[in-house]
């Protein structure tokens, strides 16, 4: 299952059942709210979030977040939705805050 959001100021389109599952996981305390995860991403990775996907597989919850960085590079981050831990990052010329 994937819930896909296109993020500007945080607007989105998603299948209603996917949205409902994500809401239920949040209400059950199984995942962090998207805003908290985006705060973590913005703190560590310079750029603009352009896409967010919420995935659930066998009670594992992951936010896949794409960040457009200066110079046009796209990062694909996998974040554990339960605790905000960075699981993986893919991209070229990856920039972290405070580093070039």
PDB file of N, CA and C in Angstrom:
ATOM      1  N   UNK A   1       0.841  -1.169   0.000  1.00  0.00           N
ATOM      2  CA  UNK A   1       0.000   0.000   0.000  1.00  0.00           C
ATOM      3  C   UNK A   1       0.890   1.237   0.000  1.00  0.00           C
ATOM      4  N   UNK A   2       0.539   2.230  -0.779  1.00  0.00           N
ATOM      5  CA  UNK A   2       1.300   3.474  -0.782  1.00  0.00           C
ATOM      6  C   UNK A   2       0.330   4.636  -0.795  1.00  0.00           C
ATOM      7  N   UNK A   3       0.603   5.612   0.023  1.00  0.00           N
ATOM      8  CA  UNK A   3      -0.156   6.853   0.046  1.00  0.00           C
ATOM      9  C   UNK A   3       0.773   7.902  -0.520  1.00  0.00           C
ATOM     10  N   UNK A   4       0.401   8.509  -1.606  1.00  0.00           N
ATOM     11  CA  UNK A   4       1.282   9.448  -2.275  1.00  0.00           C
ATOM     12  C   UNK A   4       0.756  10.860  -2.111  1.00  0.00           C
ATOM     13  N   UNK A   5       1.614  11.744  -1.670  1.00  0.00           N
ATOM     14  CA  UNK A   5       1.268  13.147  -1.503  1.00  0.00           C
ATOM     15  C   UNK A   5       2.242  13.974  -2.313  1.00  0.00           C
ATOM     16  N   UNK A   6       1.746  14.954  -3.011  1.00  0.00           N
ATOM     17  CA  UNK A   6       2.612  15.924  -3.651  1.00  0.00           C
ATOM     18  C   UNK A   6       2.641  17.109  -2.697  1.00  0.00           C
ATOM     19  N   UNK A   7       3.829  17.496  -2.305  1.00  0.00           N
ATOM     20  CA  UNK A   7       3.949  18.498  -1.259  1.00  0.00           C
ATOM     21  C   UNK A   7       4.334  19.827  -1.857  1.00  0.00           C
ATOM     22  N   UNK A   8       3.543  20.822  -1.616  1.00  0.00           N
ATOM     23  CA  UNK A   8       3.873  22.215  -1.866  1.00  0.00           C
ATOM     24  C   UNK A   8       3.898  22.767  -0.475  1.00  0.00           C
ATOM     25  N   UNK A   9       2.847  23.476  -0.108  1.00  0.00           N
ATOM     26  CA  UNK A   9       2.683  23.777   1.301  1.00  0.00           C
ATOM     27  C   UNK A   9       2.090  22.591   2.043  1.00  0.00           C
ATOM     28  N   UNK A  10       1.977  21.463   1.479  1.00  0.00           N
ATOM     29  CA  UNK A  10       1.451  20.186   1.925  1.00  0.00           C
ATOM     30  C   UNK A  10       0.007  20.056   1.480  1.00  0.00           C
ATOM     31  N   UNK A  11      -0.115  19.764   0.233  1.00  0.00           N
ATOM     32  CA  UNK A  11      -1.393  19.422  -0.360  1.00  0.00           C
ATOM     33  C   UNK A  11      -1.236  18.031  -0.912  1.00  0.00           C
ATOM     34  N   UNK A  12      -2.330  17.336  -1.158  1.00  0.00           N
ATOM     35  CA  UNK A  12      -2.119  15.999  -1.654  1.00  0.00           C
ATOM     36  C   UNK A  12      -3.345  15.358  -2.240  1.00  0.00           C
ATOM     37  N   UNK A  13      -3.118  14.247  -2.886  1.00  0.00           N
ATOM     38  CA  UNK A  13      -4.164  13.417  -3.434  1.00  0.00           C
ATOM     39  C   UNK A  13      -3.811  12.001  -3.059  1.00  0.00           C
ATOM     40  N   UNK A  14      -4.777  11.246  -2.590  1.00  0.00           N
ATOM     41  CA  UNK A  14      -4.500   9.867  -2.216  1.00  0.00           C
ATOM     42  C   UNK A  14      -5.774   9.070  -2.300  1.00  0.00           C
ATOM     43  N   UNK A  15      -5.620   7.782  -2.472  1.00  0.00           N
ATOM     44  CA  UNK A  15      -6.749   6.876  -2.416  1.00  0.00           C
ATOM     45  C   UNK A  15      -7.340   6.951  -1.015  1.00  0.00           C
ATOM     46  N   UNK A  16      -8.668   7.035  -0.909  1.00  0.00           N
ATOM     47  CA  UNK A  16      -9.324   7.235   0.383  1.00  0.00           C
ATOM     48  C   UNK A  16      -9.003   6.121   1.365  1.00  0.00           C
ATOM     49  N   UNK A  17      -8.931   4.860   0.921  1.00  0.00           N
ATOM     50  CA  UNK A  17      -8.630   3.772   1.847  1.00  0.00           C
ATOM     51  C   UNK A  17      -7.194   3.864   2.356  1.00  0.00           C
ATOM     52  N   UNK A  18      -6.253   4.295   1.522  1.00  0.00           N
ATOM     53  CA  UNK A  18      -4.876   4.499   1.965  1.00  0.00           C
ATOM     54  C   UNK A  18      -4.814   5.592   3.019  1.00  0.00           C
ATOM     55  N   UNK A  19      -5.513   6.671   2.760  1.00  0.00           N
ATOM     56  CA  UNK A  19      -5.553   7.779   3.711  1.00  0.00           C
ATOM     57  C   UNK A  19      -6.121   7.306   5.044  1.00  0.00           C
ATOM     58  N   UNK A  20      -7.164   6.519   4.981  1.00  0.00           N
ATOM     59  CA  UNK A  20      -7.793   6.011   6.206  1.00  0.00           C
ATOM     60  C   UNK A  20      -6.831   5.124   6.989  1.00  0.00           C
ATOM     61  N   UNK A  21      -6.094   4.260   6.316  1.00  0.00           N
ATOM     62  CA  UNK A  21      -5.118   3.402   7.000  1.00  0.00           C
ATOM     63  C   UNK A  21      -4.022   4.226   7.661  1.00  0.00           C
ATOM     64  N   UNK A  22      -3.547   5.247   6.971  1.00  0.00           N
ATOM     65  CA  UNK A  22      -2.522   6.115   7.546  1.00  0.00           C
ATOM     66  C   UNK A  22      -3.070   6.845   8.771  1.00  0.00           C
ATOM     67  N   UNK A  23      -4.299   7.327   8.677  1.00  0.00           N
ATOM     68  CA  UNK A  23      -4.925   8.024   9.812  1.00  0.00           C
ATOM     69  C   UNK A  23      -5.073   7.088  11.000  1.00  0.00           C
ATOM     70  N   UNK A  24      -5.501   5.856  10.742  1.00  0.00           N
ATOM     71  CA  UNK A  24      -5.670   4.881  11.818  1.00  0.00           C
ATOM     72  C   UNK A  24      -4.334   4.558  12.484  1.00  0.00           C
ATOM     73  N   UNK A  25      -3.278   4.427  11.690  1.00  0.00           N
ATOM     74  CA  UNK A  25      -1.951   4.154  12.258  1.00  0.00           C
ATOM     75  C   UNK A  25      -1.496   5.317  13.132  1.00  0.00           C
ATOM     76  N   UNK A  26      -1.759   6.539  12.703  1.00  0.00           N
ATOM     77  CA  UNK A  26      -1.409   7.718  13.485  1.00  0.00           C
ATOM     78  C   UNK A  26      -2.201   7.755  14.785  1.00  0.00           C
ATOM     79  N   UNK A  27      -3.503   7.548  14.706  1.00  0.00           N
ATOM     80  CA  UNK A  27      -4.351   7.572  15.893  1.00  0.00           C
ATOM     81  C   UNK A  27      -3.998   6.460  16.877  1.00  0.00           C
ATOM     82  N   UNK A  28      -3.532   5.330  16.365  1.00  0.00           N
ATOM     83  CA  UNK A  28      -3.140   4.211  17.223  1.00  0.00           C
ATOM     84  C   UNK A  28      -1.745   4.406  17.817  1.00  0.00           C
ATOM     85  N   UNK A  29      -1.086   5.498  17.444  1.00  0.00           N
ATOM     86  CA  UNK A  29       0.245   5.773  17.965  1.00  0.00           C
ATOM     87  C   UNK A  29       1.337   4.934  17.325  1.00  0.00           C
ATOM     88  N   UNK A  30       1.041   4.355  16.181  1.00  0.00           N
ATOM     89  CA  UNK A  30       2.023   3.508  15.496  1.00  0.00           C
ATOM     90  C   UNK A  30       3.013   4.316  14.666  1.00  0.00           C
ATOM     91  N   UNK A  31       2.657   5.546  14.278  1.00  0.00           N
ATOM     92  CA  UNK A  31       3.516   6.374  13.429  1.00  0.00           C
ATOM     93  C   UNK A  31       3.541   7.808  13.929  1.00  0.00           C
ATOM     94  N   UNK A  32       4.593   8.515  13.555  1.00  0.00           N
ATOM     95  CA  UNK A  32       4.686   9.948  13.816  1.00  0.00           C
ATOM     96  C   UNK A  32       3.839  10.702  12.803  1.00  0.00           C
ATOM     97  N   UNK A  33       3.350  11.866  13.173  1.00  0.00           N
ATOM     98  CA  UNK A  33       2.647  12.686  12.174  1.00  0.00           C
ATOM     99  C   UNK A  33       3.623  13.155  11.101  1.00  0.00           C
ATOM    100  N   UNK A  34       3.097  13.347   9.912  1.00  0.00           N
ATOM    101  CA  UNK A  34       3.921  13.777   8.789  1.00  0.00           C
ATOM    102  C   UNK A  34       4.686  15.055   9.116  1.00  0.00           C
ATOM    103  N   UNK A  35       4.057  15.988   9.784  1.00  0.00           N
ATOM    104  CA  UNK A  35       4.726  17.249  10.131  1.00  0.00           C
ATOM    105  C   UNK A  35       5.993  17.035  10.939  1.00  0.00           C
ATOM    106  N   UNK A  36       5.966  16.099  11.878  1.00  0.00           N
ATOM    107  CA  UNK A  36       7.144  15.808  12.693  1.00  0.00           C
ATOM    108  C   UNK A  36       8.260  15.212  11.841  1.00  0.00           C
ATOM    109  N   UNK A  37       7.899  14.347  10.915  1.00  0.00           N
ATOM    110  CA  UNK A  37       8.894  13.734  10.034  1.00  0.00           C
ATOM    111  C   UNK A  37       9.479  14.786   9.097  1.00  0.00           C
ATOM    112  N   UNK A  38       8.647  15.665   8.569  1.00  0.00           N
ATOM    113  CA  UNK A  38       9.150  16.725   7.685  1.00  0.00           C
ATOM    114  C   UNK A  38      10.083  17.672   8.436  1.00  0.00           C
ATOM    115  N   UNK A  39       9.819  17.911   9.728  1.00  0.00           N
ATOM    116  CA  UNK A  39      10.732  18.735  10.535  1.00  0.00           C
ATOM    117  C   UNK A  39      12.124  18.099  10.595  1.00  0.00           C
ATOM    118  N   UNK A  40      12.168  16.775  10.759  1.00  0.00           N
ATOM    119  CA  UNK A  40      13.436  16.051  10.792  1.00  0.00           C
ATOM    120  C   UNK A  40      14.162  16.182   9.458  1.00  0.00           C
ATOM    121  N   UNK A  41      13.425  15.985   8.367  1.00  0.00           N
ATOM    122  CA  UNK A  41      14.014  16.063   7.023  1.00  0.00           C
ATOM    123  C   UNK A  41      14.542  17.467   6.766  1.00  0.00           C
ATOM    124  N   UNK A  42      13.742  18.484   7.064  1.00  0.00           N
ATOM    125  CA  UNK A  42      14.164  19.863   6.817  1.00  0.00           C
ATOM    126  C   UNK A  42      15.364  20.241   7.670  1.00  0.00           C
ATOM    127  N   UNK A  43      15.484  19.678   8.861  1.00  0.00           N
ATOM    128  CA  UNK A  43      16.618  19.953   9.737  1.00  0.00           C
ATOM    129  C   UNK A  43      17.911  19.392   9.148  1.00  0.00           C
ATOM    130  N   UNK A  44      17.828  18.217   8.526  1.00  0.00           N
ATOM    131  CA  UNK A  44      19.035  17.506   8.086  1.00  0.00           C
ATOM    132  C   UNK A  44      19.378  17.639   6.615  1.00  0.00           C
ATOM    133  N   UNK A  45      18.404  17.931   5.771  1.00  0.00           N
ATOM    134  CA  UNK A  45      18.630  17.960   4.329  1.00  0.00           C
ATOM    135  C   UNK A  45      18.120  19.265   3.738  1.00  0.00           C
ATOM    136  N   UNK A  46      19.034  20.102   3.187  1.00  0.00           N
ATOM    137  CA  UNK A  46      18.582  21.343   2.567  1.00  0.00           C
ATOM    138  C   UNK A  46      17.822  21.051   1.277  1.00  0.00           C
ATOM    139  N   UNK A  47      16.811  21.821   1.023  1.00  0.00           N
ATOM    140  CA  UNK A  47      16.055  21.659  -0.211  1.00  0.00           C
ATOM    141  C   UNK A  47      14.560  21.719   0.043  1.00  0.00           C
ATOM    142  N   UNK A  48      13.816  21.368  -0.978  1.00  0.00           N
ATOM    143  CA  UNK A  48      12.360  21.437  -0.921  1.00  0.00           C
ATOM    144  C   UNK A  48      11.778  20.035  -1.068  1.00  0.00           C
ATOM    145  N   UNK A  49      10.919  19.666  -0.142  1.00  0.00           N
ATOM    146  CA  UNK A  49      10.232  18.382  -0.236  1.00  0.00           C
ATOM    147  C   UNK A  49       9.245  18.475  -1.392  1.00  0.00           C
ATOM    148  N   UNK A  50       9.347  17.522  -2.329  1.00  0.00           N
ATOM    149  CA  UNK A  50       8.479  17.559  -3.507  1.00  0.00           C
ATOM    150  C   UNK A  50       7.520  16.381  -3.581  1.00  0.00           C
ATOM    151  N   UNK A  51       7.788  15.335  -2.794  1.00  0.00           N
ATOM    152  CA  UNK A  51       6.892  14.184  -2.821  1.00  0.00           C
ATOM    153  C   UNK A  51       7.038  13.393  -1.529  1.00  0.00           C
ATOM    154  N   UNK A  52       5.902  12.904  -1.035  1.00  0.00           N
ATOM    155  CA  UNK A  52       5.893  12.060   0.155  1.00  0.00           C
ATOM    156  C   UNK A  52       4.998  10.863  -0.118  1.00  0.00           C
ATOM    157  N   UNK A  53       5.500   9.672   0.224  1.00  0.00           N
ATOM    158  CA  UNK A  53       4.699   8.463   0.141  1.00  0.00           C
ATOM    159  C   UNK A  53       4.706   7.813   1.509  1.00  0.00           C
ATOM    160  N   UNK A  54       3.556   7.289   1.907  1.00  0.00           N
ATOM    161  CA  UNK A  54       3.433   6.546   3.155  1.00  0.00           C
ATOM    162  C   UNK A  54       3.174   5.100   2.783  1.00  0.00           C
ATOM    163  N   UNK A  55       4.010   4.197   3.284  1.00  0.00           N
ATOM    164  CA  UNK A  55       3.859   2.791   2.946  1.00  0.00           C
ATOM    165  C   UNK A  55       3.712   1.958   4.207  1.00  0.00           C
ATOM    166  N   UNK A  56       2.863   0.949   4.124  1.00  0.00           N
ATOM    167  CA  UNK A  56       2.701  -0.021   5.198  1.00  0.00           C
ATOM    168  C   UNK A  56       2.872  -1.405   4.589  1.00  0.00           C
ATOM    169  N   UNK A  57       3.697  -2.203   5.230  1.00  0.00           N
ATOM    170  CA  UNK A  57       3.884  -3.578   4.787  1.00  0.00           C
ATOM    171  C   UNK A  57       4.144  -4.428   6.022  1.00  0.00           C
ATOM    172  N   UNK A  58       3.238  -5.338   6.321  1.00  0.00           N
ATOM    173  CA  UNK A  58       3.364  -6.219   7.488  1.00  0.00           C
ATOM    174  C   UNK A  58       3.638  -5.437   8.770  1.00  0.00           C
ATOM    175  N   UNK A  59       2.852  -4.404   8.990  1.00  0.00           N
ATOM    176  CA  UNK A  59       2.934  -3.567  10.194  1.00  0.00           C
ATOM    177  C   UNK A  59       4.244  -2.789  10.308  1.00  0.00           C
ATOM    178  N   UNK A  60       4.979  -2.633   9.204  1.00  0.00           N
ATOM    179  CA  UNK A  60       6.116  -1.733   9.132  1.00  0.00           C
ATOM    180  C   UNK A  60       5.652  -0.498   8.370  1.00  0.00           C
ATOM    181  N   UNK A  61       5.962   0.659   8.899  1.00  0.00           N
ATOM    182  CA  UNK A  61       5.492   1.910   8.310  1.00  0.00           C
ATOM    183  C   UNK A  61       6.696   2.752   7.899  1.00  0.00           C
ATOM    184  N   UNK A  62       6.695   3.203   6.645  1.00  0.00           N
ATOM    185  CA  UNK A  62       7.814   3.970   6.106  1.00  0.00           C
ATOM    186  C   UNK A  62       7.290   5.183   5.351  1.00  0.00           C
ATOM    187  N   UNK A  63       7.933   6.324   5.598  1.00  0.00           N
ATOM    188  CA  UNK A  63       7.715   7.508   4.768  1.00  0.00           C
ATOM    189  C   UNK A  63       8.834   7.528   3.742  1.00  0.00           C
ATOM    190  N   UNK A  64       8.483   7.564   2.460  1.00  0.00           N
ATOM    191  CA  UNK A  64       9.462   7.797   1.404  1.00  0.00           C
ATOM    192  C   UNK A  64       9.306   9.252   0.980  1.00  0.00           C
ATOM    193  N   UNK A  65      10.374  10.002   1.099  1.00  0.00           N
ATOM    194  CA  UNK A  65      10.319  11.443   0.877  1.00  0.00           C
ATOM    195  C   UNK A  65      11.356  11.817  -0.168  1.00  0.00           C
ATOM    196  N   UNK A  66      10.935  12.611  -1.138  1.00  0.00           N
ATOM    197  CA  UNK A  66      11.863  13.117  -2.160  1.00  0.00           C
ATOM    198  C   UNK A  66      12.098  14.594  -1.900  1.00  0.00           C
ATOM    199  N   UNK A  67      13.381  14.973  -1.949  1.00  0.00           N
ATOM    200  CA  UNK A  67      13.797  16.347  -1.677  1.00  0.00           C
ATOM    201  C   UNK A  67      14.556  16.861  -2.897  1.00  0.00           C
ATOM    202  N   UNK A  68      14.134  18.005  -3.414  1.00  0.00           N
ATOM    203  CA  UNK A  68      14.837  18.690  -4.496  1.00  0.00           C
ATOM    204  C   UNK A  68      15.889  19.584  -3.860  1.00  0.00           C
ATOM    205  N   UNK A  69      17.165  19.308  -4.169  1.00  0.00           N
ATOM    206  CA  UNK A  69      18.246  20.095  -3.598  1.00  0.00           C
ATOM    207  C   UNK A  69      18.751  21.117  -4.605  1.00  0.00           C
ATOM    208  N   UNK A  70      19.517  22.092  -4.108  1.00  0.00           N
ATOM    209  CA  UNK A  70      20.078  23.096  -5.001  1.00  0.00           C
ATOM    210  C   UNK A  70      20.922  22.397  -6.061  1.00  0.00           C
ATOM    211  N   UNK A  71      20.892  22.891  -7.247  1.00  0.00           N
ATOM    212  CA  UNK A  71      21.594  22.245  -8.351  1.00  0.00           C
ATOM    213  C   UNK A  71      20.736  21.230  -9.075  1.00  0.00           C
ATOM    214  N   UNK A  72      19.522  20.989  -8.567  1.00  0.00           N
ATOM    215  CA  UNK A  72      18.582  20.123  -9.256  1.00  0.00           C
ATOM    216  C   UNK A  72      18.616  18.659  -8.866  1.00  0.00           C
ATOM    217  N   UNK A  73      19.477  18.283  -7.942  1.00  0.00           N
ATOM    218  CA  UNK A  73      19.530  16.885  -7.516  1.00  0.00           C
ATOM    219  C   UNK A  73      18.320  16.498  -6.676  1.00  0.00           C
ATOM    220  N   UNK A  74      17.878  15.262  -6.845  1.00  0.00           N
ATOM    221  CA  UNK A  74      16.756  14.737  -6.071  1.00  0.00           C
ATOM    222  C   UNK A  74      17.280  13.674  -5.113  1.00  0.00           C
ATOM    223  N   UNK A  75      16.912  13.799  -3.845  1.00  0.00           N
ATOM    224  CA  UNK A  75      17.213  12.781  -2.853  1.00  0.00           C
ATOM    225  C   UNK A  75      15.968  11.960  -2.606  1.00  0.00           C
ATOM    226  N   UNK A  76      16.150  10.676  -2.419  1.00  0.00           N
ATOM    227  CA  UNK A  76      15.056   9.805  -2.020  1.00  0.00           C
ATOM    228  C   UNK A  76      15.401   9.273  -0.634  1.00  0.00           C
ATOM    229  N   UNK A  77      14.617   9.680   0.348  1.00  0.00           N
ATOM    230  CA  UNK A  77      14.856   9.292   1.728  1.00  0.00           C
ATOM    231  C   UNK A  77      13.825   8.263   2.156  1.00  0.00           C
ATOM    232  N   UNK A  78      14.266   7.280   2.922  1.00  0.00           N
ATOM    233  CA  UNK A  78      13.345   6.347   3.567  1.00  0.00           C
ATOM    234  C   UNK A  78      13.452   6.602   5.059  1.00  0.00           C
ATOM    235  N   UNK A  79      12.320   6.940   5.653  1.00  0.00           N
ATOM    236  CA  UNK A  79      12.270   7.291   7.064  1.00  0.00           C
ATOM    237  C   UNK A  79      11.340   6.312   7.773  1.00  0.00           C
ATOM    238  N   UNK A  80      11.792   5.772   8.903  1.00  0.00           N
ATOM    239  CA  UNK A  80      10.940   4.914   9.719  1.00  0.00           C
ATOM    240  C   UNK A  80       9.831   5.793  10.296  1.00  0.00           C
ATOM    241  N   UNK A  81       8.593   5.488   9.940  1.00  0.00           N
ATOM    242  CA  UNK A  81       7.462   6.322  10.357  1.00  0.00           C
ATOM    243  C   UNK A  81       7.178   6.200  11.854  1.00  0.00           C
ATOM    244  N   UNK A  82       7.713   5.178  12.501  1.00  0.00           N
ATOM    245  CA  UNK A  82       7.467   5.005  13.927  1.00  0.00           C
ATOM    246  C   UNK A  82       8.292   5.951  14.778  1.00  0.00           C
ATOM    247  N   UNK A  83       9.561   6.192  14.367  1.00  0.00           N
ATOM    248  CA  UNK A  83      10.435   6.983  15.227  1.00  0.00           C
ATOM    249  C   UNK A  83      11.210   8.084  14.490  1.00  0.00           C
ATOM    250  N   UNK A  84      11.040   8.196  13.172  1.00  0.00           N
ATOM    251  CA  UNK A  84      11.710   9.237  12.405  1.00  0.00           C
ATOM    252  C   UNK A  84      13.147   8.921  12.042  1.00  0.00           C
ATOM    253  N   UNK A  85      13.595   7.685  12.282  1.00  0.00           N
ATOM    254  CA  UNK A  85      14.977   7.316  11.959  1.00  0.00           C
ATOM    255  C   UNK A  85      15.174   7.217  10.444  1.00  0.00           C
ATOM    256  N   UNK A  86      16.306   7.708   9.985  1.00  0.00           N
ATOM    257  CA  UNK A  86      16.663   7.615   8.568  1.00  0.00           C
ATOM    258  C   UNK A  86      17.102   6.190   8.281  1.00  0.00           C
ATOM    259  N   UNK A  87      16.399   5.527   7.373  1.00  0.00           N
ATOM    260  CA  UNK A  87      16.722   4.150   7.016  1.00  0.00           C
ATOM    261  C   UNK A  87      17.631   4.073   5.806  1.00  0.00           C
ATOM    262  N   UNK A  88      17.428   4.980   4.839  1.00  0.00           N
ATOM    263  CA  UNK A  88      18.226   4.973   3.619  1.00  0.00           C
ATOM    264  C   UNK A  88      18.116   6.322   2.933  1.00  0.00           C
ATOM    265  N   UNK A  89      19.150   6.643   2.166  1.00  0.00           N
ATOM    266  CA  UNK A  89      19.133   7.849   1.344  1.00  0.00           C
ATOM    267  C   UNK A  89      19.805   7.524   0.021  1.00  0.00           C
ATOM    268  N   UNK A  90      19.168   7.938  -1.065  1.00  0.00           N
ATOM    269  CA  UNK A  90      19.719   7.740  -2.402  1.00  0.00           C
ATOM    270  C   UNK A  90      19.729   9.077  -3.112  1.00  0.00           C
ATOM    271  N   UNK A  91      20.731   9.274  -3.937  1.00  0.00           N
ATOM    272  CA  UNK A  91      20.820  10.494  -4.726  1.00  0.00           C
ATOM    273  C   UNK A  91      22.267  10.807  -5.029  1.00  0.00           C
ATOM    274  N   UNK A  92      22.456  11.786  -5.882  1.00  0.00           N
ATOM    275  CA  UNK A  92      23.798  12.240  -6.239  1.00  0.00           C
ATOM    276  C   UNK A  92      24.098  13.520  -5.496  1.00  0.00           C
ATOM    277  N   UNK A  93      25.363  13.713  -5.176  1.00  0.00           N
ATOM    278  CA  UNK A  93      25.797  14.941  -4.503  1.00  0.00           C
ATOM    279  C   UNK A  93      24.912  15.254  -3.310  1.00  0.00           C
ATOM    280  N   UNK A  94      24.750  14.298  -2.437  1.00  0.00           N
ATOM    281  CA  UNK A  94      23.875  14.432  -1.264  1.00  0.00           C
ATOM    282  C   UNK A  94      24.426  15.538  -0.361  1.00  0.00           C
ATOM    283  N   UNK A  95      23.547  16.462  -0.003  1.00  0.00           N
ATOM    284  CA  UNK A  95      23.925  17.574   0.867  1.00  0.00           C
ATOM    285  C   UNK A  95      23.173  17.441   2.185  1.00  0.00           C
ATOM    286  N   UNK A  96      23.939  17.469   3.273  1.00  0.00           N
ATOM    287  CA  UNK A  96      23.378  17.504   4.609  1.00  0.00           C
ATOM    288  C   UNK A  96      23.554  18.916   5.144  1.00  0.00           C
ATOM    289  N   UNK A  97      22.692  19.353   6.034  1.00  0.00           N
ATOM    290  CA  UNK A  97      22.835  20.685   6.610  1.00  0.00           C
ATOM    291  C   UNK A  97      24.199  20.804   7.270  1.00  0.00           C
ATOM    292  N   UNK A  98      24.868  21.918   6.986  1.00  0.00           N
ATOM    293  CA  UNK A  98      26.181  22.170   7.571  1.00  0.00           C
ATOM    294  C   UNK A  98      27.329  21.555   6.801  1.00  0.00           C
ATOM    295  N   UNK A  99      27.010  20.820   5.719  1.00  0.00           N
ATOM    296  CA  UNK A  99      28.058  20.195   4.916  1.00  0.00           C
ATOM    297  C   UNK A  99      27.784  20.481   3.453  1.00  0.00           C
ATOM    298  N   UNK A 100      28.814  20.502   2.629  1.00  0.00           N
ATOM    299  CA  UNK A 100      28.639  20.655   1.170  1.00  0.00           C
ATOM    300  C   UNK A 100      28.910  19.368   0.467  1.00  0.00           C
TER     301      UNK A 100
END
